[in-house]
Amino acid sequence: MENEEIKKEIIAEESAPEAQPVIEAVVAAAIPREQKKNQRKSSPRRDARPRSEFDQKIVSIRRVTRVVTGGRRFAFSVGIVIGDRKGRVGVGLGKAGDTPVAIDKAARDARKNMIKVNLTKNSSVPHEVNAKYSSSRILIMRAPGKGILAGSSVRTVLELAGIREVSAKIFSRSKNKINNAKAAVKALSKLKAPK
């Protein structure tokens, strides 16, 4: 409260724009040391990293084991979906000894395998399309006014691609989320441009 009053008095005396840095220095000097100590410092490292243009969601994360002569070796397998919600989406898989490294590898793989989806004006699919990847079979069709009607990792793929008003049906009994996501991406890549 006192600092504000001091600042107002100084500003009233010197209203010239070149005096502004001097005013700030005087006010900073007038703040008691206890108040300065409690202020949180902003870390330059956190601010320096630019925000990625892609959103990402982890679809599956598993701890996998390799049996060797001396015992077992553990690693992590991560499946990730990335997209910009404007028509670009990709699925990636990464494996490493610890989780953060596996997530980075999966994100890199997803960027490498990214596709551009042909959408209509109202962010829907132009026509019905189906695809099969490994044992996963999927059908994607239009659903005007219904939102996203899909389950499992297919919903994640459709959301991150920026598609709305769409319905998806998984015909296989496969519970493998990565294969379902890859089947969805394969189906979206088959879409032709709307006329």
N, C-alpha and C. Protein backbone atom coordinates (compact mmCIF):
# COMPACT_ATOMS: atom_id res chain seq x y z
N MET A 1 0.83 -1.19 0.00
CA MET A 1 0.00 0.00 0.00
C MET A 1 0.88 1.26 0.00
N GLU A 2 1.91 1.25 0.85
CA GLU A 2 2.80 2.40 0.93
C GLU A 2 3.54 2.59 -0.38
N ASN A 3 3.93 1.48 -1.01
CA ASN A 3 4.68 1.54 -2.27
C ASN A 3 3.86 2.22 -3.35
N GLU A 4 2.57 1.93 -3.39
CA GLU A 4 1.69 2.55 -4.39
C GLU A 4 1.61 4.05 -4.17
N GLU A 5 1.51 4.45 -2.91
CA GLU A 5 1.44 5.88 -2.60
C GLU A 5 2.73 6.59 -3.00
N ILE A 6 3.87 5.96 -2.71
CA ILE A 6 5.17 6.54 -3.08
C ILE A 6 5.25 6.69 -4.59
N LYS A 7 4.82 5.66 -5.30
CA LYS A 7 4.87 5.68 -6.76
C LYS A 7 3.99 6.80 -7.32
N LYS A 8 2.79 6.96 -6.75
CA LYS A 8 1.87 8.00 -7.22
C LYS A 8 2.47 9.39 -6.99
N GLU A 9 3.13 9.59 -5.83
CA GLU A 9 3.75 10.89 -5.55
C GLU A 9 4.85 11.20 -6.55
N ILE A 10 5.67 10.18 -6.84
CA ILE A 10 6.79 10.38 -7.77
C ILE A 10 6.26 10.65 -9.17
N ILE A 11 5.23 9.92 -9.57
CA ILE A 11 4.65 10.11 -10.91
C ILE A 11 4.03 11.49 -11.02
N ALA A 12 3.39 11.96 -9.95
CA ALA A 12 2.79 13.30 -9.96
C ALA A 12 3.86 14.37 -10.13
N GLU A 13 5.03 14.17 -9.50
CA GLU A 13 6.11 15.14 -9.60
C GLU A 13 6.75 15.13 -10.97
N GLU A 14 7.06 13.93 -11.48
CA GLU A 14 7.75 13.83 -12.77
C GLU A 14 6.91 12.98 -13.71
N SER A 15 6.20 13.62 -14.59
CA SER A 15 5.35 12.88 -15.52
C SER A 15 6.02 12.68 -16.87
N ALA A 16 7.30 13.00 -17.00
CA ALA A 16 8.01 12.83 -18.27
C ALA A 16 8.25 11.34 -18.53
N PRO A 17 8.11 10.87 -19.80
CA PRO A 17 8.29 9.45 -20.10
C PRO A 17 9.71 8.96 -19.86
N GLU A 18 10.73 9.86 -20.03
CA GLU A 18 12.11 9.40 -19.83
C GLU A 18 12.43 9.17 -18.35
N ALA A 19 11.57 9.65 -17.45
CA ALA A 19 11.77 9.48 -16.02
C ALA A 19 11.21 8.15 -15.51
N GLN A 20 10.54 7.39 -16.36
CA GLN A 20 9.89 6.14 -15.94
C GLN A 20 10.89 5.11 -15.37
N PRO A 21 12.05 4.84 -16.01
CA PRO A 21 13.00 3.88 -15.40
C PRO A 21 13.50 4.33 -14.04
N VAL A 22 13.68 5.63 -13.86
CA VAL A 22 14.14 6.16 -12.58
C VAL A 22 13.08 5.93 -11.52
N ILE A 23 11.81 6.15 -11.90
CA ILE A 23 10.69 5.96 -10.96
C ILE A 23 10.64 4.50 -10.50
N GLU A 24 10.77 3.58 -11.47
CA GLU A 24 10.72 2.14 -11.14
C GLU A 24 11.86 1.77 -10.18
N ALA A 25 13.05 2.33 -10.41
CA ALA A 25 14.20 2.03 -9.55
C ALA A 25 13.96 2.54 -8.13
N VAL A 26 13.40 3.74 -8.00
CA VAL A 26 13.12 4.32 -6.69
C VAL A 26 12.08 3.49 -5.94
N VAL A 27 11.04 3.08 -6.65
CA VAL A 27 9.99 2.28 -6.01
C VAL A 27 10.54 0.92 -5.58
N ALA A 28 11.39 0.31 -6.43
CA ALA A 28 11.99 -0.98 -6.08
C ALA A 28 12.87 -0.86 -4.83
N ALA A 29 13.57 0.26 -4.71
CA ALA A 29 14.42 0.48 -3.54
C ALA A 29 13.59 0.72 -2.29
N ALA A 30 12.37 1.26 -2.45
CA ALA A 30 11.52 1.57 -1.31
C ALA A 30 10.82 0.33 -0.74
N ILE A 31 10.78 -0.77 -1.50
CA ILE A 31 10.12 -1.99 -1.03
C ILE A 31 10.99 -2.63 0.06
N PRO A 32 10.42 -2.94 1.21
CA PRO A 32 11.21 -3.58 2.27
C PRO A 32 11.77 -4.93 1.81
N ARG A 33 12.87 -5.34 2.43
CA ARG A 33 13.56 -6.57 2.05
C ARG A 33 12.68 -7.81 2.26
N GLU A 34 11.80 -7.81 3.29
CA GLU A 34 10.93 -8.97 3.55
C GLU A 34 9.98 -9.21 2.38
N GLN A 35 9.45 -8.13 1.82
CA GLN A 35 8.52 -8.27 0.69
C GLN A 35 9.24 -8.81 -0.54
N LYS A 36 10.49 -8.36 -0.75
CA LYS A 36 11.25 -8.82 -1.91
C LYS A 36 11.53 -10.32 -1.83
N LYS A 37 11.85 -10.80 -0.61
CA LYS A 37 12.24 -12.19 -0.43
C LYS A 37 11.10 -13.15 -0.77
N ASN A 38 9.86 -12.76 -0.48
CA ASN A 38 8.72 -13.65 -0.69
C ASN A 38 8.22 -13.70 -2.13
N GLN A 39 8.68 -12.75 -2.95
CA GLN A 39 8.22 -12.76 -4.33
C GLN A 39 8.83 -13.94 -5.07
N ARG A 40 7.99 -14.63 -5.86
CA ARG A 40 8.46 -15.81 -6.60
C ARG A 40 9.24 -15.36 -7.84
N LYS A 41 10.36 -16.00 -8.04
CA LYS A 41 11.18 -15.69 -9.21
C LYS A 41 10.65 -16.50 -10.39
N SER A 42 10.53 -15.86 -11.54
CA SER A 42 10.10 -16.61 -12.74
C SER A 42 11.34 -17.24 -13.35
N SER A 43 11.25 -18.53 -13.62
CA SER A 43 12.41 -19.22 -14.15
C SER A 43 12.49 -18.97 -15.66
N PRO A 44 13.63 -18.52 -16.16
CA PRO A 44 13.76 -18.24 -17.59
C PRO A 44 13.71 -19.51 -18.43
N ARG A 45 14.07 -20.66 -17.83
CA ARG A 45 14.09 -21.91 -18.58
C ARG A 45 12.68 -22.32 -19.00
N ARG A 46 11.72 -22.14 -18.10
CA ARG A 46 10.35 -22.55 -18.38
C ARG A 46 9.74 -21.67 -19.47
N ASP A 47 10.06 -20.37 -19.43
CA ASP A 47 9.51 -19.43 -20.41
C ASP A 47 10.19 -19.56 -21.77
N ALA A 48 11.43 -20.05 -21.79
CA ALA A 48 12.20 -20.09 -23.02
C ALA A 48 11.67 -21.14 -24.00
N ARG A 49 11.11 -22.24 -23.48
CA ARG A 49 10.65 -23.30 -24.37
C ARG A 49 9.37 -22.86 -25.09
N PRO A 50 9.37 -22.88 -26.43
CA PRO A 50 8.15 -22.46 -27.16
C PRO A 50 7.05 -23.51 -27.05
N ARG A 51 5.82 -23.04 -27.08
CA ARG A 51 4.66 -23.94 -27.02
C ARG A 51 4.53 -24.66 -28.35
N SER A 52 4.34 -25.99 -28.30
CA SER A 52 4.22 -26.79 -29.51
C SER A 52 2.88 -26.50 -30.19
N GLU A 53 2.88 -26.56 -31.52
CA GLU A 53 1.64 -26.33 -32.26
C GLU A 53 0.72 -27.54 -32.20
N PHE A 54 1.23 -28.69 -31.74
CA PHE A 54 0.44 -29.92 -31.70
C PHE A 54 0.03 -30.27 -30.27
N ASP A 55 -1.21 -30.74 -30.13
CA ASP A 55 -1.66 -31.31 -28.87
C ASP A 55 -1.31 -32.79 -28.92
N GLN A 56 -1.07 -33.39 -27.76
CA GLN A 56 -0.76 -34.82 -27.76
C GLN A 56 -1.47 -35.52 -26.62
N LYS A 57 -1.83 -36.78 -26.87
CA LYS A 57 -2.46 -37.60 -25.85
C LYS A 57 -1.83 -38.99 -25.89
N ILE A 58 -1.53 -39.51 -24.70
CA ILE A 58 -0.97 -40.86 -24.63
C ILE A 58 -2.13 -41.85 -24.71
N VAL A 59 -2.04 -42.75 -25.67
CA VAL A 59 -3.09 -43.73 -25.90
C VAL A 59 -2.83 -44.98 -25.06
N SER A 60 -1.58 -45.44 -25.06
CA SER A 60 -1.26 -46.62 -24.24
C SER A 60 0.16 -46.49 -23.72
N ILE A 61 0.35 -47.02 -22.52
CA ILE A 61 1.68 -47.05 -21.91
C ILE A 61 1.82 -48.39 -21.22
N ARG A 62 2.87 -49.14 -21.60
CA ARG A 62 3.05 -50.49 -21.05
C ARG A 62 4.48 -50.69 -20.59
N ARG A 63 4.63 -51.49 -19.56
CA ARG A 63 5.98 -51.90 -19.16
C ARG A 63 6.21 -53.27 -19.78
N VAL A 64 7.21 -53.37 -20.61
CA VAL A 64 7.50 -54.64 -21.30
C VAL A 64 8.78 -55.24 -20.74
N THR A 65 8.88 -56.55 -20.81
CA THR A 65 10.00 -57.27 -20.21
C THR A 65 10.72 -58.12 -21.24
N ARG A 66 12.04 -58.09 -21.18
CA ARG A 66 12.86 -58.95 -22.03
C ARG A 66 13.65 -59.87 -21.11
N VAL A 67 13.53 -61.15 -21.30
CA VAL A 67 14.22 -62.10 -20.43
C VAL A 67 15.60 -62.40 -21.03
N VAL A 68 16.64 -62.16 -20.22
CA VAL A 68 18.02 -62.43 -20.64
C VAL A 68 18.66 -63.38 -19.64
N THR A 69 19.90 -63.74 -19.89
CA THR A 69 20.58 -64.73 -19.06
C THR A 69 20.62 -64.32 -17.59
N GLY A 70 20.91 -63.06 -17.32
CA GLY A 70 21.03 -62.59 -15.94
C GLY A 70 19.70 -62.32 -15.25
N GLY A 71 18.61 -62.34 -15.97
CA GLY A 71 17.31 -62.03 -15.36
C GLY A 71 16.40 -61.33 -16.36
N ARG A 72 15.67 -60.33 -15.87
CA ARG A 72 14.74 -59.61 -16.73
C ARG A 72 15.19 -58.17 -16.93
N ARG A 73 14.96 -57.67 -18.14
CA ARG A 73 15.23 -56.26 -18.45
C ARG A 73 13.89 -55.60 -18.72
N PHE A 74 13.64 -54.50 -18.04
CA PHE A 74 12.37 -53.80 -18.19
C PHE A 74 12.53 -52.58 -19.10
N ALA A 75 11.50 -52.31 -19.88
CA ALA A 75 11.47 -51.12 -20.73
C ALA A 75 10.02 -50.63 -20.79
N PHE A 76 9.82 -49.47 -21.38
CA PHE A 76 8.47 -48.91 -21.51
C PHE A 76 8.13 -48.71 -22.98
N SER A 77 6.91 -49.05 -23.33
CA SER A 77 6.39 -48.86 -24.68
C SER A 77 5.23 -47.86 -24.59
N VAL A 78 5.32 -46.78 -25.35
CA VAL A 78 4.31 -45.72 -25.28
C VAL A 78 3.72 -45.48 -26.67
N GLY A 79 2.38 -45.46 -26.74
CA GLY A 79 1.68 -45.10 -27.97
C GLY A 79 1.07 -43.72 -27.78
N ILE A 80 1.28 -42.83 -28.75
CA ILE A 80 0.84 -41.44 -28.60
C ILE A 80 0.16 -40.97 -29.88
N VAL A 81 -0.85 -40.10 -29.72
CA VAL A 81 -1.53 -39.48 -30.85
C VAL A 81 -1.30 -37.98 -30.75
N ILE A 82 -0.84 -37.35 -31.86
CA ILE A 82 -0.67 -35.90 -31.86
C ILE A 82 -1.47 -35.31 -33.02
N GLY A 83 -1.95 -34.08 -32.82
CA GLY A 83 -2.71 -33.41 -33.87
C GLY A 83 -2.82 -31.93 -33.57
N ASP A 84 -3.14 -31.15 -34.60
CA ASP A 84 -3.27 -29.71 -34.41
C ASP A 84 -4.72 -29.24 -34.37
N ARG A 85 -5.68 -30.18 -34.40
CA ARG A 85 -7.11 -29.90 -34.38
C ARG A 85 -7.56 -29.07 -35.58
N LYS A 86 -6.75 -29.09 -36.65
CA LYS A 86 -7.08 -28.37 -37.88
C LYS A 86 -6.96 -29.28 -39.10
N GLY A 87 -6.92 -30.58 -38.88
CA GLY A 87 -6.87 -31.50 -40.02
C GLY A 87 -5.59 -32.32 -40.12
N ARG A 88 -4.63 -32.11 -39.21
CA ARG A 88 -3.41 -32.93 -39.25
C ARG A 88 -3.37 -33.81 -38.00
N VAL A 89 -3.05 -35.09 -38.20
CA VAL A 89 -3.02 -36.04 -37.09
C VAL A 89 -2.01 -37.14 -37.39
N GLY A 90 -1.42 -37.71 -36.34
CA GLY A 90 -0.46 -38.79 -36.50
C GLY A 90 -0.40 -39.66 -35.26
N VAL A 91 -0.04 -40.94 -35.47
CA VAL A 91 0.10 -41.90 -34.37
C VAL A 91 1.55 -42.38 -34.35
N GLY A 92 2.14 -42.46 -33.16
CA GLY A 92 3.53 -42.90 -33.05
C GLY A 92 3.73 -43.85 -31.89
N LEU A 93 4.79 -44.63 -31.99
CA LEU A 93 5.13 -45.61 -30.96
C LEU A 93 6.58 -45.39 -30.57
N GLY A 94 6.87 -45.39 -29.26
CA GLY A 94 8.24 -45.20 -28.78
C GLY A 94 8.55 -46.18 -27.66
N LYS A 95 9.76 -46.71 -27.68
CA LYS A 95 10.19 -47.65 -26.64
C LYS A 95 11.52 -47.19 -26.07
N ALA A 96 11.63 -47.21 -24.73
CA ALA A 96 12.88 -46.81 -24.08
C ALA A 96 12.91 -47.35 -22.66
N GLY A 97 14.06 -47.18 -22.01
CA GLY A 97 14.24 -47.65 -20.64
C GLY A 97 13.46 -46.87 -19.61
N ASP A 98 13.19 -45.60 -19.88
CA ASP A 98 12.37 -44.82 -18.95
C ASP A 98 11.28 -44.06 -19.71
N THR A 99 10.22 -43.71 -19.02
CA THR A 99 9.00 -43.20 -19.64
C THR A 99 9.18 -41.89 -20.41
N PRO A 100 9.82 -40.84 -19.86
CA PRO A 100 9.93 -39.58 -20.62
C PRO A 100 10.63 -39.74 -21.97
N VAL A 101 11.66 -40.56 -22.01
CA VAL A 101 12.38 -40.78 -23.27
C VAL A 101 11.48 -41.51 -24.26
N ALA A 102 10.71 -42.48 -23.76
CA ALA A 102 9.78 -43.22 -24.62
C ALA A 102 8.70 -42.29 -25.18
N ILE A 103 8.22 -41.34 -24.36
CA ILE A 103 7.20 -40.38 -24.82
C ILE A 103 7.78 -39.48 -25.90
N ASP A 104 9.03 -39.00 -25.71
CA ASP A 104 9.66 -38.16 -26.73
C ASP A 104 9.83 -38.91 -28.05
N LYS A 105 10.25 -40.18 -27.96
CA LYS A 105 10.43 -40.98 -29.17
C LYS A 105 9.09 -41.19 -29.88
N ALA A 106 8.04 -41.46 -29.10
CA ALA A 106 6.71 -41.67 -29.68
C ALA A 106 6.21 -40.40 -30.36
N ALA A 107 6.44 -39.23 -29.75
CA ALA A 107 6.01 -37.96 -30.34
C ALA A 107 6.75 -37.69 -31.64
N ARG A 108 8.06 -37.99 -31.67
CA ARG A 108 8.84 -37.84 -32.90
C ARG A 108 8.32 -38.75 -34.00
N ASP A 109 8.00 -39.99 -33.63
CA ASP A 109 7.47 -40.97 -34.60
C ASP A 109 6.12 -40.52 -35.13
N ALA A 110 5.28 -39.96 -34.25
CA ALA A 110 3.96 -39.49 -34.66
C ALA A 110 4.07 -38.31 -35.62
N ARG A 111 5.02 -37.39 -35.38
CA ARG A 111 5.22 -36.26 -36.30
C ARG A 111 5.67 -36.75 -37.67
N LYS A 112 6.51 -37.79 -37.65
CA LYS A 112 7.03 -38.34 -38.90
C LYS A 112 5.92 -39.00 -39.73
N ASN A 113 4.94 -39.63 -39.04
CA ASN A 113 3.86 -40.35 -39.71
C ASN A 113 2.56 -39.54 -39.78
N MET A 114 2.67 -38.21 -39.77
CA MET A 114 1.48 -37.36 -39.75
C MET A 114 0.83 -37.29 -41.13
N ILE A 115 -0.52 -37.23 -41.12
CA ILE A 115 -1.27 -37.11 -42.37
C ILE A 115 -2.12 -35.85 -42.34
N LYS A 116 -2.52 -35.39 -43.52
CA LYS A 116 -3.46 -34.25 -43.66
C LYS A 116 -4.81 -34.83 -44.05
N VAL A 117 -5.85 -34.48 -43.28
CA VAL A 117 -7.19 -35.03 -43.49
C VAL A 117 -8.02 -34.04 -44.30
N ASN A 118 -8.72 -34.55 -45.31
CA ASN A 118 -9.63 -33.72 -46.11
C ASN A 118 -10.95 -33.59 -45.37
N LEU A 119 -11.27 -32.37 -44.92
CA LEU A 119 -12.49 -32.13 -44.15
C LEU A 119 -13.47 -31.26 -44.93
N THR A 120 -14.74 -31.32 -44.54
CA THR A 120 -15.75 -30.44 -45.12
C THR A 120 -15.70 -29.08 -44.41
N LYS A 121 -16.55 -28.14 -44.83
CA LYS A 121 -16.57 -26.80 -44.23
C LYS A 121 -16.93 -26.83 -42.75
N ASN A 122 -17.82 -27.76 -42.36
CA ASN A 122 -18.24 -27.84 -40.96
C ASN A 122 -17.44 -28.87 -40.16
N SER A 123 -16.20 -29.11 -40.57
CA SER A 123 -15.25 -30.00 -39.88
C SER A 123 -15.80 -31.41 -39.69
N SER A 124 -16.32 -31.97 -40.75
CA SER A 124 -16.80 -33.35 -40.73
C SER A 124 -16.12 -34.11 -41.86
N VAL A 125 -16.42 -35.39 -41.98
CA VAL A 125 -15.85 -36.18 -43.07
C VAL A 125 -16.77 -36.07 -44.29
N PRO A 126 -16.20 -36.00 -45.51
CA PRO A 126 -17.04 -35.84 -46.69
C PRO A 126 -17.85 -37.07 -47.08
N HIS A 127 -17.35 -38.26 -46.72
CA HIS A 127 -18.07 -39.49 -47.09
C HIS A 127 -17.68 -40.62 -46.13
N GLU A 128 -18.38 -41.72 -46.23
CA GLU A 128 -18.13 -42.90 -45.39
C GLU A 128 -16.84 -43.58 -45.85
N VAL A 129 -16.06 -44.07 -44.89
CA VAL A 129 -14.79 -44.73 -45.23
C VAL A 129 -14.49 -45.81 -44.21
N ASN A 130 -13.87 -46.90 -44.67
CA ASN A 130 -13.48 -47.95 -43.73
C ASN A 130 -12.04 -48.38 -44.00
N ALA A 131 -11.41 -49.00 -42.99
CA ALA A 131 -10.01 -49.42 -43.12
C ALA A 131 -9.73 -50.58 -42.18
N LYS A 132 -8.66 -51.29 -42.51
CA LYS A 132 -8.21 -52.42 -41.69
C LYS A 132 -6.72 -52.27 -41.46
N TYR A 133 -6.30 -52.34 -40.19
CA TYR A 133 -4.88 -52.33 -39.86
C TYR A 133 -4.65 -53.48 -38.89
N SER A 134 -3.79 -54.40 -39.27
CA SER A 134 -3.56 -55.62 -38.49
C SER A 134 -4.90 -56.32 -38.28
N SER A 135 -5.36 -56.54 -37.07
CA SER A 135 -6.65 -57.21 -36.87
C SER A 135 -7.76 -56.20 -36.54
N SER A 136 -7.45 -54.89 -36.59
CA SER A 136 -8.45 -53.87 -36.27
C SER A 136 -9.17 -53.42 -37.54
N ARG A 137 -10.50 -53.47 -37.50
CA ARG A 137 -11.32 -52.98 -38.61
C ARG A 137 -12.19 -51.84 -38.10
N ILE A 138 -12.32 -50.77 -38.88
CA ILE A 138 -13.03 -49.59 -38.42
C ILE A 138 -13.81 -48.95 -39.56
N LEU A 139 -14.97 -48.38 -39.24
CA LEU A 139 -15.81 -47.65 -40.20
C LEU A 139 -16.05 -46.25 -39.64
N ILE A 140 -15.79 -45.23 -40.47
CA ILE A 140 -16.01 -43.84 -40.07
C ILE A 140 -17.05 -43.24 -41.02
N MET A 141 -18.10 -42.62 -40.45
CA MET A 141 -19.16 -42.03 -41.28
C MET A 141 -19.63 -40.70 -40.70
N ARG A 142 -20.37 -39.95 -41.51
CA ARG A 142 -20.89 -38.66 -41.07
C ARG A 142 -22.03 -38.85 -40.08
N ALA A 143 -22.15 -37.90 -39.14
CA ALA A 143 -23.25 -37.91 -38.17
C ALA A 143 -23.62 -36.45 -37.87
N PRO A 144 -24.38 -35.80 -38.78
CA PRO A 144 -24.67 -34.37 -38.61
C PRO A 144 -25.41 -34.06 -37.30
N GLY A 145 -24.90 -33.09 -36.56
CA GLY A 145 -25.54 -32.64 -35.32
C GLY A 145 -25.39 -33.57 -34.14
N LYS A 146 -24.55 -34.59 -34.22
CA LYS A 146 -24.42 -35.56 -33.12
C LYS A 146 -23.11 -35.45 -32.35
N GLY A 147 -22.13 -34.71 -32.86
CA GLY A 147 -20.83 -34.65 -32.19
C GLY A 147 -19.96 -35.83 -32.58
N ILE A 148 -19.01 -36.19 -31.71
CA ILE A 148 -18.13 -37.32 -31.99
C ILE A 148 -18.70 -38.56 -31.30
N LEU A 149 -19.13 -39.53 -32.09
CA LEU A 149 -19.63 -40.80 -31.56
C LEU A 149 -18.59 -41.86 -31.86
N ALA A 150 -17.64 -42.04 -30.96
CA ALA A 150 -16.58 -43.02 -31.16
C ALA A 150 -16.02 -43.41 -29.80
N GLY A 151 -15.40 -44.54 -29.76
CA GLY A 151 -14.84 -45.01 -28.50
C GLY A 151 -13.37 -45.33 -28.64
N SER A 152 -12.79 -45.71 -27.51
CA SER A 152 -11.40 -46.16 -27.46
C SER A 152 -10.47 -45.07 -27.98
N SER A 153 -9.39 -45.46 -28.62
CA SER A 153 -8.40 -44.50 -29.11
C SER A 153 -8.84 -43.84 -30.41
N VAL A 154 -9.90 -44.35 -31.04
CA VAL A 154 -10.43 -43.75 -32.27
C VAL A 154 -10.97 -42.36 -31.97
N ARG A 155 -11.61 -42.21 -30.83
CA ARG A 155 -12.14 -40.90 -30.41
C ARG A 155 -11.01 -39.89 -30.27
N THR A 156 -9.90 -40.31 -29.68
CA THR A 156 -8.74 -39.43 -29.50
C THR A 156 -8.22 -38.96 -30.85
N VAL A 157 -8.12 -39.89 -31.82
CA VAL A 157 -7.62 -39.55 -33.16
C VAL A 157 -8.55 -38.52 -33.81
N LEU A 158 -9.86 -38.75 -33.72
CA LEU A 158 -10.82 -37.84 -34.36
C LEU A 158 -10.81 -36.46 -33.69
N GLU A 159 -10.69 -36.41 -32.36
CA GLU A 159 -10.64 -35.13 -31.65
C GLU A 159 -9.40 -34.33 -32.04
N LEU A 160 -8.23 -34.98 -32.04
CA LEU A 160 -6.99 -34.28 -32.33
C LEU A 160 -6.87 -33.92 -33.81
N ALA A 161 -7.64 -34.58 -34.68
CA ALA A 161 -7.67 -34.20 -36.10
C ALA A 161 -8.58 -32.99 -36.30
N GLY A 162 -9.41 -32.67 -35.30
CA GLY A 162 -10.30 -31.52 -35.41
C GLY A 162 -11.62 -31.85 -36.09
N ILE A 163 -11.97 -33.13 -36.11
CA ILE A 163 -13.20 -33.56 -36.78
C ILE A 163 -14.35 -33.52 -35.78
N ARG A 164 -15.48 -32.92 -36.20
CA ARG A 164 -16.69 -32.91 -35.40
C ARG A 164 -17.81 -33.51 -36.23
N GLU A 165 -18.91 -33.89 -35.57
CA GLU A 165 -20.07 -34.47 -36.25
C GLU A 165 -19.68 -35.71 -37.06
N VAL A 166 -19.16 -36.70 -36.35
CA VAL A 166 -18.70 -37.93 -37.00
C VAL A 166 -19.01 -39.12 -36.11
N SER A 167 -19.22 -40.26 -36.73
CA SER A 167 -19.48 -41.50 -36.00
C SER A 167 -18.47 -42.55 -36.45
N ALA A 168 -17.97 -43.33 -35.52
CA ALA A 168 -17.00 -44.38 -35.86
C ALA A 168 -17.40 -45.68 -35.18
N LYS A 169 -17.23 -46.78 -35.89
CA LYS A 169 -17.58 -48.10 -35.35
C LYS A 169 -16.39 -49.02 -35.51
N ILE A 170 -15.99 -49.66 -34.42
CA ILE A 170 -14.92 -50.66 -34.47
C ILE A 170 -15.57 -52.03 -34.64
N PHE A 171 -15.30 -52.69 -35.76
CA PHE A 171 -15.92 -53.99 -36.03
C PHE A 171 -15.12 -55.17 -35.49
N SER A 172 -13.84 -55.00 -35.30
CA SER A 172 -13.04 -56.11 -34.77
C SER A 172 -13.23 -56.20 -33.27
N ARG A 173 -12.87 -57.32 -32.71
CA ARG A 173 -12.93 -57.46 -31.25
C ARG A 173 -11.60 -57.07 -30.61
N SER A 174 -10.72 -56.51 -31.40
CA SER A 174 -9.38 -56.16 -30.92
C SER A 174 -9.44 -55.05 -29.89
N LYS A 175 -8.77 -55.24 -28.77
CA LYS A 175 -8.69 -54.23 -27.72
C LYS A 175 -7.38 -53.43 -27.82
N ASN A 176 -6.57 -53.74 -28.83
CA ASN A 176 -5.28 -53.08 -29.00
C ASN A 176 -5.48 -51.62 -29.41
N LYS A 177 -5.22 -50.70 -28.49
CA LYS A 177 -5.52 -49.29 -28.72
C LYS A 177 -4.64 -48.69 -29.81
N ILE A 178 -3.40 -49.12 -29.90
CA ILE A 178 -2.50 -48.57 -30.92
C ILE A 178 -2.97 -49.00 -32.31
N ASN A 179 -3.34 -50.28 -32.48
CA ASN A 179 -3.83 -50.75 -33.78
C ASN A 179 -5.13 -50.07 -34.16
N ASN A 180 -6.03 -49.84 -33.18
CA ASN A 180 -7.28 -49.13 -33.46
C ASN A 180 -7.01 -47.70 -33.91
N ALA A 181 -6.06 -47.04 -33.25
CA ALA A 181 -5.71 -45.66 -33.63
C ALA A 181 -5.09 -45.62 -35.02
N LYS A 182 -4.21 -46.59 -35.32
CA LYS A 182 -3.58 -46.63 -36.65
C LYS A 182 -4.60 -46.95 -37.73
N ALA A 183 -5.60 -47.78 -37.41
CA ALA A 183 -6.67 -48.07 -38.36
C ALA A 183 -7.48 -46.81 -38.64
N ALA A 184 -7.73 -46.00 -37.60
CA ALA A 184 -8.47 -44.74 -37.78
C ALA A 184 -7.70 -43.77 -38.66
N VAL A 185 -6.39 -43.68 -38.45
CA VAL A 185 -5.55 -42.80 -39.27
C VAL A 185 -5.54 -43.29 -40.72
N LYS A 186 -5.47 -44.61 -40.90
CA LYS A 186 -5.49 -45.18 -42.25
C LYS A 186 -6.81 -44.86 -42.95
N ALA A 187 -7.92 -44.95 -42.21
CA ALA A 187 -9.23 -44.64 -42.78
C ALA A 187 -9.32 -43.15 -43.16
N LEU A 188 -8.80 -42.28 -42.27
CA LEU A 188 -8.84 -40.83 -42.55
C LEU A 188 -7.97 -40.47 -43.75
N SER A 189 -6.89 -41.21 -43.96
CA SER A 189 -6.02 -40.92 -45.11
C SER A 189 -6.70 -41.30 -46.43
N LYS A 190 -7.73 -42.15 -46.40
CA LYS A 190 -8.46 -42.54 -47.61
C LYS A 190 -9.50 -41.51 -48.04
N LEU A 191 -9.78 -40.53 -47.18
CA LEU A 191 -10.82 -39.54 -47.50
C LEU A 191 -10.44 -38.71 -48.71
N LYS A 192 -11.40 -38.53 -49.62
CA LYS A 192 -11.18 -37.69 -50.79
C LYS A 192 -11.67 -36.28 -50.48
N ALA A 193 -11.12 -35.31 -51.19
CA ALA A 193 -11.47 -33.90 -50.95
C ALA A 193 -12.95 -33.67 -51.27
N PRO A 194 -13.65 -32.90 -50.43
CA PRO A 194 -15.07 -32.65 -50.70
C PRO A 194 -15.26 -31.81 -51.96
N LYS A 195 -16.36 -32.08 -52.70
CA LYS A 195 -16.62 -31.36 -53.97
C LYS A 195 -17.44 -30.12 -53.70
